[in-house]
Amino acid sequence: MVPRDDDDDDDDDFDPEAPVEVPLTDELDLHPFAPREIASIVNDWLDDCAEAGFEQVRIVHGKGIGQQREIVREVLAAHPRVASFAQDGGNWGATVARLRPA
C-alpha cells in the first residue's frame, strides 16, 4: 500500500467547472441528462459523428414514459445529417440512425 501524499500538487490544476472531454463513440446514452438538455446534446453529437465518418449511430433514451424518446426522434427528423432512423430492433429504449456522408 502506498501512503497518500496530501501535499501533492497535481490537484492544483483541477477545475470543477471545466468541461470534461469524452471520447466520441457511435453510441450516446442520454440517461444522465435532463430532458431540457437532450435536443442540443443530440444535435451536437450527430454533427460530430457525421464529421468523424460514422455511418450509423445508436441513441439510448430509455423506455420510461417516452419523453426523451420523443425529443430524440424530433431532433433526428429535423437534422440534415440523418438519412433515416428507427427503433433499435426489439429494444424500444434505443433508436438507431443512419447518417448521410459528410
PDB file of N, CA and C in Angstrom:
ATOM      1  N   MET A   1       0.845  -1.179   0.000  1.00  0.00           N
ATOM      2  CA  MET A   1       0.000   0.000   0.000  1.00  0.00           C
ATOM      3  C   MET A   1       0.887   1.237   0.000  1.00  0.00           C
ATOM      4  N   VAL A   2       0.551   2.181  -0.855  1.00  0.00           N
ATOM      5  CA  VAL A   2       1.335   3.409  -0.965  1.00  0.00           C
ATOM      6  C   VAL A   2       0.662   4.473  -0.111  1.00  0.00           C
ATOM      7  N   PRO A   3       1.420   5.135   0.744  1.00  0.00           N
ATOM      8  CA  PRO A   3       0.816   6.186   1.574  1.00  0.00           C
ATOM      9  C   PRO A   3       0.359   7.355   0.714  1.00  0.00           C
ATOM     10  N   ARG A   4      -0.718   7.959   1.116  1.00  0.00           N
ATOM     11  CA  ARG A   4      -1.254   9.110   0.407  1.00  0.00           C
ATOM     12  C   ARG A   4      -0.479  10.354   0.775  1.00  0.00           C
ATOM     13  N   ASP A   5      -0.133  11.120  -0.243  1.00  0.00           N
ATOM     14  CA  ASP A   5       0.605  12.358  -0.031  1.00  0.00           C
ATOM     15  C   ASP A   5      -0.379  13.509  -0.150  1.00  0.00           C
ATOM     16  N   ASP A   6      -0.856  14.031   0.969  1.00  0.00           N
ATOM     17  CA  ASP A   6      -1.833  15.108   0.959  1.00  0.00           C
ATOM     18  C   ASP A   6      -1.261  16.424   0.459  1.00  0.00           C
ATOM     19  N   ASP A   7       0.048  16.497   0.357  1.00  0.00           N
ATOM     20  CA  ASP A   7       0.678  17.720  -0.126  1.00  0.00           C
ATOM     21  C   ASP A   7       0.948  17.659  -1.627  1.00  0.00           C
ATOM     22  N   ASP A   8       0.384  16.682  -2.289  1.00  0.00           N
ATOM     23  CA  ASP A   8       0.599  16.500  -3.728  1.00  0.00           C
ATOM     24  C   ASP A   8       0.029  17.696  -4.489  1.00  0.00           C
ATOM     25  N   ASP A   9       0.837  18.305  -5.353  1.00  0.00           N
ATOM     26  CA  ASP A   9       0.420  19.492  -6.095  1.00  0.00           C
ATOM     27  C   ASP A   9      -0.288  19.171  -7.410  1.00  0.00           C
ATOM     28  N   ASP A  10      -0.473  17.872  -7.755  1.00  0.00           N
ATOM     29  CA  ASP A  10      -1.106  17.509  -9.020  1.00  0.00           C
ATOM     30  C   ASP A  10      -2.551  17.978  -9.105  1.00  0.00           C
ATOM     31  N   ASP A  11      -3.225  18.142  -7.988  1.00  0.00           N
ATOM     32  CA  ASP A  11      -4.627  18.539  -7.988  1.00  0.00           C
ATOM     33  C   ASP A  11      -4.816  20.052  -8.085  1.00  0.00           C
ATOM     34  N   ASP A  12      -3.736  20.810  -8.092  1.00  0.00           N
ATOM     35  CA  ASP A  12      -3.845  22.261  -8.141  1.00  0.00           C
ATOM     36  C   ASP A  12      -4.452  22.754  -9.454  1.00  0.00           C
ATOM     37  N   ASP A  13      -4.324  21.969 -10.532  1.00  0.00           N
ATOM     38  CA  ASP A  13      -4.845  22.376 -11.836  1.00  0.00           C
ATOM     39  C   ASP A  13      -6.282  21.939 -12.057  1.00  0.00           C
ATOM     40  N   PHE A  14      -6.878  21.230 -11.131  1.00  0.00           N
ATOM     41  CA  PHE A  14      -8.243  20.750 -11.283  1.00  0.00           C
ATOM     42  C   PHE A  14      -9.232  21.903 -11.227  1.00  0.00           C
ATOM     43  N   ASP A  15     -10.080  21.965 -12.227  1.00  0.00           N
ATOM     44  CA  ASP A  15     -11.124  22.985 -12.286  1.00  0.00           C
ATOM     45  C   ASP A  15     -12.469  22.277 -12.392  1.00  0.00           C
ATOM     46  N   PRO A  16     -13.268  22.288 -11.335  1.00  0.00           N
ATOM     47  CA  PRO A  16     -14.542  21.563 -11.364  1.00  0.00           C
ATOM     48  C   PRO A  16     -15.540  22.143 -12.372  1.00  0.00           C
ATOM     49  N   GLU A  17     -15.309  23.346 -12.845  1.00  0.00           N
ATOM     50  CA  GLU A  17     -16.198  23.980 -13.819  1.00  0.00           C
ATOM     51  C   GLU A  17     -15.764  23.727 -15.264  1.00  0.00           C
ATOM     52  N   ALA A  18     -14.582  23.161 -15.450  1.00  0.00           N
ATOM     53  CA  ALA A  18     -14.069  22.926 -16.801  1.00  0.00           C
ATOM     54  C   ALA A  18     -14.843  21.799 -17.465  1.00  0.00           C
ATOM     55  N   PRO A  19     -15.093  21.914 -18.773  1.00  0.00           N
ATOM     56  CA  PRO A  19     -15.797  20.830 -19.467  1.00  0.00           C
ATOM     57  C   PRO A  19     -14.952  19.559 -19.477  1.00  0.00           C
ATOM     58  N   VAL A  20     -15.618  18.446 -19.452  1.00  0.00           N
ATOM     59  CA  VAL A  20     -14.959  17.153 -19.475  1.00  0.00           C
ATOM     60  C   VAL A  20     -15.008  16.629 -20.907  1.00  0.00           C
ATOM     61  N   GLU A  21     -13.859  16.218 -21.428  1.00  0.00           N
ATOM     62  CA  GLU A  21     -13.827  15.659 -22.773  1.00  0.00           C
ATOM     63  C   GLU A  21     -14.110  14.172 -22.696  1.00  0.00           C
ATOM     64  N   VAL A  22     -15.078  13.740 -23.484  1.00  0.00           N
ATOM     65  CA  VAL A  22     -15.463  12.340 -23.536  1.00  0.00           C
ATOM     66  C   VAL A  22     -15.162  11.840 -24.938  1.00  0.00           C
ATOM     67  N   PRO A  23     -14.558  10.657 -25.061  1.00  0.00           N
ATOM     68  CA  PRO A  23     -14.260  10.143 -26.399  1.00  0.00           C
ATOM     69  C   PRO A  23     -15.537   9.985 -27.223  1.00  0.00           C
ATOM     70  N   LEU A  24     -15.462  10.309 -28.493  1.00  0.00           N
ATOM     71  CA  LEU A  24     -16.610  10.197 -29.394  1.00  0.00           C
ATOM     72  C   LEU A  24     -16.786   8.741 -29.804  1.00  0.00           C
ATOM     73  N   THR A  25     -17.969   8.204 -29.570  1.00  0.00           N
ATOM     74  CA  THR A  25     -18.304   6.844 -29.996  1.00  0.00           C
ATOM     75  C   THR A  25     -19.603   6.894 -30.781  1.00  0.00           C
ATOM     76  N   ASP A  26     -19.986   5.745 -31.328  1.00  0.00           N
ATOM     77  CA  ASP A  26     -21.213   5.681 -32.114  1.00  0.00           C
ATOM     78  C   ASP A  26     -22.449   5.437 -31.256  1.00  0.00           C
ATOM     79  N   GLU A  27     -22.310   5.528 -29.934  1.00  0.00           N
ATOM     80  CA  GLU A  27     -23.457   5.367 -29.041  1.00  0.00           C
ATOM     81  C   GLU A  27     -23.490   6.500 -28.025  1.00  0.00           C
ATOM     82  N   LEU A  28     -24.685   7.024 -27.813  1.00  0.00           N
ATOM     83  CA  LEU A  28     -24.889   8.098 -26.843  1.00  0.00           C
ATOM     84  C   LEU A  28     -25.965   7.657 -25.860  1.00  0.00           C
ATOM     85  N   ASP A  29     -25.617   7.613 -24.579  1.00  0.00           N
ATOM     86  CA  ASP A  29     -26.564   7.259 -23.526  1.00  0.00           C
ATOM     87  C   ASP A  29     -27.058   8.546 -22.882  1.00  0.00           C
ATOM     88  N   LEU A  30     -28.345   8.794 -22.991  1.00  0.00           N
ATOM     89  CA  LEU A  30     -28.916  10.051 -22.508  1.00  0.00           C
ATOM     90  C   LEU A  30     -29.427   9.985 -21.072  1.00  0.00           C
ATOM     91  N   HIS A  31     -29.278   8.862 -20.413  1.00  0.00           N
ATOM     92  CA  HIS A  31     -29.788   8.737 -19.048  1.00  0.00           C
ATOM     93  C   HIS A  31     -29.288   9.816 -18.092  1.00  0.00           C
ATOM     94  N   PRO A  32     -28.034  10.255 -18.170  1.00  0.00           N
ATOM     95  CA  PRO A  32     -27.570  11.259 -17.200  1.00  0.00           C
ATOM     96  C   PRO A  32     -28.091  12.675 -17.447  1.00  0.00           C
ATOM     97  N   PHE A  33     -28.770  12.908 -18.556  1.00  0.00           N
ATOM     98  CA  PHE A  33     -29.129  14.270 -18.928  1.00  0.00           C
ATOM     99  C   PHE A  33     -30.602  14.583 -18.671  1.00  0.00           C
ATOM    100  N   ALA A  34     -30.862  15.850 -18.371  1.00  0.00           N
ATOM    101  CA  ALA A  34     -32.232  16.323 -18.191  1.00  0.00           C
ATOM    102  C   ALA A  34     -32.885  16.510 -19.559  1.00  0.00           C
ATOM    103  N   PRO A  35     -34.201  16.319 -19.644  1.00  0.00           N
ATOM    104  CA  PRO A  35     -34.878  16.481 -20.935  1.00  0.00           C
ATOM    105  C   PRO A  35     -34.598  17.822 -21.617  1.00  0.00           C
ATOM    106  N   ARG A  36     -34.422  18.882 -20.865  1.00  0.00           N
ATOM    107  CA  ARG A  36     -34.177  20.203 -21.467  1.00  0.00           C
ATOM    108  C   ARG A  36     -32.821  20.270 -22.186  1.00  0.00           C
ATOM    109  N   GLU A  37     -31.911  19.338 -21.868  1.00  0.00           N
ATOM    110  CA  GLU A  37     -30.580  19.313 -22.475  1.00  0.00           C
ATOM    111  C   GLU A  37     -30.504  18.425 -23.712  1.00  0.00           C
ATOM    112  N   ILE A  38     -31.460  17.547 -23.883  1.00  0.00           N
ATOM    113  CA  ILE A  38     -31.387  16.482 -24.882  1.00  0.00           C
ATOM    114  C   ILE A  38     -31.218  17.007 -26.304  1.00  0.00           C
ATOM    115  N   ALA A  39     -32.047  17.938 -26.736  1.00  0.00           N
ATOM    116  CA  ALA A  39     -32.015  18.398 -28.128  1.00  0.00           C
ATOM    117  C   ALA A  39     -30.643  18.942 -28.514  1.00  0.00           C
ATOM    118  N   SER A  40     -30.069  19.794 -27.693  1.00  0.00           N
ATOM    119  CA  SER A  40     -28.780  20.380 -28.063  1.00  0.00           C
ATOM    120  C   SER A  40     -27.661  19.339 -28.005  1.00  0.00           C
ATOM    121  N   ILE A  41     -27.713  18.447 -27.034  1.00  0.00           N
ATOM    122  CA  ILE A  41     -26.693  17.404 -26.930  1.00  0.00           C
ATOM    123  C   ILE A  41     -26.733  16.491 -28.148  1.00  0.00           C
ATOM    124  N   VAL A  42     -27.924  16.043 -28.520  1.00  0.00           N
ATOM    125  CA  VAL A  42     -28.064  15.132 -29.655  1.00  0.00           C
ATOM    126  C   VAL A  42     -27.657  15.834 -30.954  1.00  0.00           C
ATOM    127  N   ASN A  43     -28.080  17.072 -31.151  1.00  0.00           N
ATOM    128  CA  ASN A  43     -27.702  17.821 -32.360  1.00  0.00           C
ATOM    129  C   ASN A  43     -26.187  17.930 -32.503  1.00  0.00           C
ATOM    130  N   ASP A  44     -25.521  18.341 -31.447  1.00  0.00           N
ATOM    131  CA  ASP A  44     -24.055  18.490 -31.488  1.00  0.00           C
ATOM    132  C   ASP A  44     -23.372  17.147 -31.703  1.00  0.00           C
ATOM    133  N   TRP A  45     -23.865  16.113 -31.020  1.00  0.00           N
ATOM    134  CA  TRP A  45     -23.265  14.787 -31.132  1.00  0.00           C
ATOM    135  C   TRP A  45     -23.432  14.240 -32.552  1.00  0.00           C
ATOM    136  N   LEU A  46     -24.597  14.440 -33.158  1.00  0.00           N
ATOM    137  CA  LEU A  46     -24.814  13.985 -34.538  1.00  0.00           C
ATOM    138  C   LEU A  46     -23.853  14.671 -35.499  1.00  0.00           C
ATOM    139  N   ASP A  47     -23.667  15.970 -35.336  1.00  0.00           N
ATOM    140  CA  ASP A  47     -22.704  16.693 -36.178  1.00  0.00           C
ATOM    141  C   ASP A  47     -21.309  16.098 -36.030  1.00  0.00           C
ATOM    142  N   ASP A  48     -20.895  15.864 -34.791  1.00  0.00           N
ATOM    143  CA  ASP A  48     -19.568  15.305 -34.536  1.00  0.00           C
ATOM    144  C   ASP A  48     -19.431  13.909 -35.133  1.00  0.00           C
ATOM    145  N   CYS A  49     -20.452  13.087 -34.994  1.00  0.00           N
ATOM    146  CA  CYS A  49     -20.416  11.720 -35.533  1.00  0.00           C
ATOM    147  C   CYS A  49     -20.336  11.729 -37.051  1.00  0.00           C
ATOM    148  N   ALA A  50     -21.090  12.600 -37.692  1.00  0.00           N
ATOM    149  CA  ALA A  50     -21.056  12.688 -39.149  1.00  0.00           C
ATOM    150  C   ALA A  50     -19.685  13.148 -39.618  1.00  0.00           C
ATOM    151  N   GLU A  51     -19.120  14.136 -38.942  1.00  0.00           N
ATOM    152  CA  GLU A  51     -17.783  14.624 -39.304  1.00  0.00           C
ATOM    153  C   GLU A  51     -16.725  13.539 -39.094  1.00  0.00           C
ATOM    154  N   ALA A  52     -16.930  12.680 -38.104  1.00  0.00           N
ATOM    155  CA  ALA A  52     -15.982  11.602 -37.823  1.00  0.00           C
ATOM    156  C   ALA A  52     -16.136  10.426 -38.787  1.00  0.00           C
ATOM    157  N   GLY A  53     -17.201  10.458 -39.595  1.00  0.00           N
ATOM    158  CA  GLY A  53     -17.386   9.413 -40.594  1.00  0.00           C
ATOM    159  C   GLY A  53     -18.248   8.236 -40.167  1.00  0.00           C
ATOM    160  N   PHE A  54     -18.934   8.348 -39.034  1.00  0.00           N
ATOM    161  CA  PHE A  54     -19.822   7.267 -38.620  1.00  0.00           C
ATOM    162  C   PHE A  54     -20.981   7.165 -39.605  1.00  0.00           C
ATOM    163  N   GLU A  55     -21.307   5.946 -39.982  1.00  0.00           N
ATOM    164  CA  GLU A  55     -22.432   5.721 -40.890  1.00  0.00           C
ATOM    165  C   GLU A  55     -23.719   5.442 -40.141  1.00  0.00           C
ATOM    166  N   GLN A  56     -23.587   4.875 -38.944  1.00  0.00           N
ATOM    167  CA  GLN A  56     -24.751   4.545 -38.131  1.00  0.00           C
ATOM    168  C   GLN A  56     -24.433   4.850 -36.679  1.00  0.00           C
ATOM    169  N   VAL A  57     -25.414   5.352 -35.955  1.00  0.00           N
ATOM    170  CA  VAL A  57     -25.246   5.667 -34.536  1.00  0.00           C
ATOM    171  C   VAL A  57     -26.438   5.135 -33.755  1.00  0.00           C
ATOM    172  N   ARG A  58     -26.227   4.980 -32.458  1.00  0.00           N
ATOM    173  CA  ARG A  58     -27.285   4.465 -31.581  1.00  0.00           C
ATOM    174  C   ARG A  58     -27.451   5.425 -30.418  1.00  0.00           C
ATOM    175  N   ILE A  59     -28.697   5.797 -30.154  1.00  0.00           N
ATOM    176  CA  ILE A  59     -29.003   6.702 -29.048  1.00  0.00           C
ATOM    177  C   ILE A  59     -29.863   5.949 -28.040  1.00  0.00           C
ATOM    178  N   VAL A  60     -29.373   5.853 -26.812  1.00  0.00           N
ATOM    179  CA  VAL A  60     -30.104   5.192 -25.738  1.00  0.00           C
ATOM    180  C   VAL A  60     -30.860   6.267 -24.973  1.00  0.00           C
ATOM    181  N   HIS A  61     -32.175   6.243 -25.085  1.00  0.00           N
ATOM    182  CA  HIS A  61     -33.002   7.253 -24.420  1.00  0.00           C
ATOM    183  C   HIS A  61     -33.817   6.665 -23.286  1.00  0.00           C
ATOM    184  N   GLY A  62     -33.867   5.359 -23.201  1.00  0.00           N
ATOM    185  CA  GLY A  62     -34.624   4.688 -22.148  1.00  0.00           C
ATOM    186  C   GLY A  62     -36.070   4.474 -22.557  1.00  0.00           C
ATOM    187  N   LYS A  63     -36.736   3.614 -21.803  1.00  0.00           N
ATOM    188  CA  LYS A  63     -38.128   3.267 -22.104  1.00  0.00           C
ATOM    189  C   LYS A  63     -39.072   4.256 -21.433  1.00  0.00           C
ATOM    190  N   GLY A  64     -39.013   4.378 -20.162  1.00  0.00           N
ATOM    191  CA  GLY A  64     -39.776   5.362 -19.388  1.00  0.00           C
ATOM    192  C   GLY A  64     -41.127   5.731 -19.951  1.00  0.00           C
ATOM    193  N   ILE A  65     -41.468   7.010 -19.865  1.00  0.00           N
ATOM    194  CA  ILE A  65     -42.759   7.499 -20.372  1.00  0.00           C
ATOM    195  C   ILE A  65     -42.635   8.007 -21.802  1.00  0.00           C
ATOM    196  N   GLY A  66     -41.440   7.993 -22.350  1.00  0.00           N
ATOM    197  CA  GLY A  66     -41.241   8.343 -23.747  1.00  0.00           C
ATOM    198  C   GLY A  66     -40.862   9.784 -24.023  1.00  0.00           C
ATOM    199  N   GLN A  67     -40.661  10.585 -22.992  1.00  0.00           N
ATOM    200  CA  GLN A  67     -40.333  11.999 -23.201  1.00  0.00           C
ATOM    201  C   GLN A  67     -39.005  12.154 -23.931  1.00  0.00           C
ATOM    202  N   GLN A  68     -37.972  11.463 -23.470  1.00  0.00           N
ATOM    203  CA  GLN A  68     -36.662  11.570 -24.131  1.00  0.00           C
ATOM    204  C   GLN A  68     -36.717  10.960 -25.530  1.00  0.00           C
ATOM    205  N   ARG A  69     -37.422   9.848 -25.687  1.00  0.00           N
ATOM    206  CA  ARG A  69     -37.543   9.213 -26.998  1.00  0.00           C
ATOM    207  C   ARG A  69     -38.169  10.184 -28.005  1.00  0.00           C
ATOM    208  N   GLU A  70     -39.211  10.864 -27.596  1.00  0.00           N
ATOM    209  CA  GLU A  70     -39.879  11.810 -28.486  1.00  0.00           C
ATOM    210  C   GLU A  70     -38.960  12.969 -28.865  1.00  0.00           C
ATOM    211  N   ILE A  71     -38.228  13.508 -27.911  1.00  0.00           N
ATOM    212  CA  ILE A  71     -37.282  14.599 -28.195  1.00  0.00           C
ATOM    213  C   ILE A  71     -36.226  14.120 -29.186  1.00  0.00           C
ATOM    214  N   VAL A  72     -35.675  12.924 -28.930  1.00  0.00           N
ATOM    215  CA  VAL A  72     -34.641  12.371 -29.814  1.00  0.00           C
ATOM    216  C   VAL A  72     -35.178  12.235 -31.229  1.00  0.00           C
ATOM    217  N   ARG A  73     -36.352  11.690 -31.377  1.00  0.00           N
ATOM    218  CA  ARG A  73     -36.907  11.458 -32.716  1.00  0.00           C
ATOM    219  C   ARG A  73     -37.269  12.760 -33.420  1.00  0.00           C
ATOM    220  N   GLU A  74     -37.661  13.772 -32.680  1.00  0.00           N
ATOM    221  CA  GLU A  74     -37.895  15.089 -33.293  1.00  0.00           C
ATOM    222  C   GLU A  74     -36.588  15.673 -33.825  1.00  0.00           C
ATOM    223  N   VAL A  75     -35.529  15.538 -33.050  1.00  0.00           N
ATOM    224  CA  VAL A  75     -34.218  16.032 -33.477  1.00  0.00           C
ATOM    225  C   VAL A  75     -33.757  15.257 -34.711  1.00  0.00           C
ATOM    226  N   LEU A  76     -33.873  13.934 -34.678  1.00  0.00           N
ATOM    227  CA  LEU A  76     -33.447  13.115 -35.810  1.00  0.00           C
ATOM    228  C   LEU A  76     -34.221  13.455 -37.078  1.00  0.00           C
ATOM    229  N   ALA A  77     -35.513  13.696 -36.953  1.00  0.00           N
ATOM    230  CA  ALA A  77     -36.347  14.012 -38.119  1.00  0.00           C
ATOM    231  C   ALA A  77     -35.950  15.335 -38.765  1.00  0.00           C
ATOM    232  N   ALA A  78     -35.438  16.262 -37.965  1.00  0.00           N
ATOM    233  CA  ALA A  78     -35.098  17.587 -38.474  1.00  0.00           C
ATOM    234  C   ALA A  78     -33.620  17.749 -38.824  1.00  0.00           C
ATOM    235  N   HIS A  79     -32.777  16.827 -38.385  1.00  0.00           N
ATOM    236  CA  HIS A  79     -31.331  17.005 -38.549  1.00  0.00           C
ATOM    237  C   HIS A  79     -30.908  16.711 -39.992  1.00  0.00           C
ATOM    238  N   PRO A  80     -30.164  17.620 -40.628  1.00  0.00           N
ATOM    239  CA  PRO A  80     -29.789  17.439 -42.033  1.00  0.00           C
ATOM    240  C   PRO A  80     -28.829  16.284 -42.300  1.00  0.00           C
ATOM    241  N   ARG A  81     -28.122  15.804 -41.289  1.00  0.00           N
ATOM    242  CA  ARG A  81     -27.158  14.707 -41.494  1.00  0.00           C
ATOM    243  C   ARG A  81     -27.796  13.333 -41.315  1.00  0.00           C
ATOM    244  N   VAL A  82     -29.052  13.268 -40.900  1.00  0.00           N
ATOM    245  CA  VAL A  82     -29.720  11.991 -40.642  1.00  0.00           C
ATOM    246  C   VAL A  82     -30.491  11.562 -41.891  1.00  0.00           C
ATOM    247  N   ALA A  83     -30.132  10.390 -42.415  1.00  0.00           N
ATOM    248  CA  ALA A  83     -30.815   9.844 -43.591  1.00  0.00           C
ATOM    249  C   ALA A  83     -32.078   9.088 -43.185  1.00  0.00           C
ATOM    250  N   SER A  84     -32.003   8.339 -42.084  1.00  0.00           N
ATOM    251  CA  SER A  84     -33.156   7.588 -41.588  1.00  0.00           C
ATOM    252  C   SER A  84     -32.910   7.193 -40.143  1.00  0.00           C
ATOM    253  N   PHE A  85     -33.989   6.799 -39.464  1.00  0.00           N
ATOM    254  CA  PHE A  85     -33.853   6.317 -38.094  1.00  0.00           C
ATOM    255  C   PHE A  85     -35.011   5.383 -37.777  1.00  0.00           C
ATOM    256  N   ALA A  86     -34.779   4.512 -36.797  1.00  0.00           N
ATOM    257  CA  ALA A  86     -35.791   3.540 -36.384  1.00  0.00           C
ATOM    258  C   ALA A  86     -35.466   3.030 -34.994  1.00  0.00           C
ATOM    259  N   GLN A  87     -36.444   2.389 -34.405  1.00  0.00           N
ATOM    260  CA  GLN A  87     -36.233   1.720 -33.130  1.00  0.00           C
ATOM    261  C   GLN A  87     -35.132   0.686 -33.299  1.00  0.00           C
ATOM    262  N   ASP A  88     -34.335   0.496 -32.264  1.00  0.00           N
ATOM    263  CA  ASP A  88     -33.232  -0.467 -32.302  1.00  0.00           C
ATOM    264  C   ASP A  88     -33.771  -1.878 -32.119  1.00  0.00           C
ATOM    265  N   GLY A  89     -34.184  -2.511 -33.203  1.00  0.00           N
ATOM    266  CA  GLY A  89     -34.725  -3.868 -33.156  1.00  0.00           C
ATOM    267  C   GLY A  89     -35.882  -3.969 -32.187  1.00  0.00           C
ATOM    268  N   GLY A  90     -35.809  -4.919 -31.282  1.00  0.00           N
ATOM    269  CA  GLY A  90     -36.863  -5.096 -30.290  1.00  0.00           C
ATOM    270  C   GLY A  90     -36.678  -4.237 -29.055  1.00  0.00           C
ATOM    271  N   ASN A  91     -35.674  -3.389 -29.050  1.00  0.00           N
ATOM    272  CA  ASN A  91     -35.377  -2.551 -27.885  1.00  0.00           C
ATOM    273  C   ASN A  91     -35.972  -1.159 -28.085  1.00  0.00           C
ATOM    274  N   TRP A  92     -37.120  -0.895 -27.482  1.00  0.00           N
ATOM    275  CA  TRP A  92     -37.732   0.416 -27.655  1.00  0.00           C
ATOM    276  C   TRP A  92     -37.141   1.469 -26.725  1.00  0.00           C
ATOM    277  N   GLY A  93     -36.030   1.134 -26.052  1.00  0.00           N
ATOM    278  CA  GLY A  93     -35.316   2.099 -25.224  1.00  0.00           C
ATOM    279  C   GLY A  93     -34.154   2.746 -25.958  1.00  0.00           C
ATOM    280  N   ALA A  94     -34.012   2.420 -27.264  1.00  0.00           N
ATOM    281  CA  ALA A  94     -32.911   2.993 -28.057  1.00  0.00           C
ATOM    282  C   ALA A  94     -33.372   3.193 -29.499  1.00  0.00           C
ATOM    283  N   THR A  95     -32.751   4.150 -30.158  1.00  0.00           N
ATOM    284  CA  THR A  95     -33.042   4.458 -31.557  1.00  0.00           C
ATOM    285  C   THR A  95     -31.733   4.438 -32.327  1.00  0.00           C
ATOM    286  N   VAL A  96     -31.777   3.855 -33.509  1.00  0.00           N
ATOM    287  CA  VAL A  96     -30.606   3.787 -34.397  1.00  0.00           C
ATOM    288  C   VAL A  96     -30.854   4.728 -35.569  1.00  0.00           C
ATOM    289  N   ALA A  97     -29.817   5.473 -35.939  1.00  0.00           N
ATOM    290  CA  ALA A  97     -29.929   6.401 -37.062  1.00  0.00           C
ATOM    291  C   ALA A  97     -28.817   6.145 -38.071  1.00  0.00           C
ATOM    292  N   ARG A  98     -29.156   6.239 -39.325  1.00  0.00           N
ATOM    293  CA  ARG A  98     -28.170   6.193 -40.407  1.00  0.00           C
ATOM    294  C   ARG A  98     -27.854   7.629 -40.786  1.00  0.00           C
ATOM    295  N   LEU A  99     -26.564   7.901 -40.939  1.00  0.00           N
ATOM    296  CA  LEU A  99     -26.129   9.262 -41.247  1.00  0.00           C
ATOM    297  C   LEU A  99     -25.745   9.394 -42.724  1.00  0.00           C
ATOM    298  N   ARG A 100     -25.991  10.564 -43.262  1.00  0.00           N
ATOM    299  CA  ARG A 100     -25.546  10.865 -44.622  1.00  0.00           C
ATOM    300  C   ARG A 100     -24.045  11.122 -44.592  1.00  0.00           C
ATOM    301  N   PRO A 101     -23.342  10.746 -45.651  1.00  0.00           N
ATOM    302  CA  PRO A 101     -21.908  11.037 -45.691  1.00  0.00           C
ATOM    303  C   PRO A 101     -21.655  12.549 -45.628  1.00  0.00           C
ATOM    304  N   ALA A 102     -20.557  12.909 -45.009  1.00  0.00           N
ATOM    305  CA  ALA A 102     -20.209  14.341 -44.872  1.00  0.00           C
ATOM    306  C   ALA A 102     -19.854  14.938 -46.213  1.00  0.00           C
TER     307      ALA A 102
END
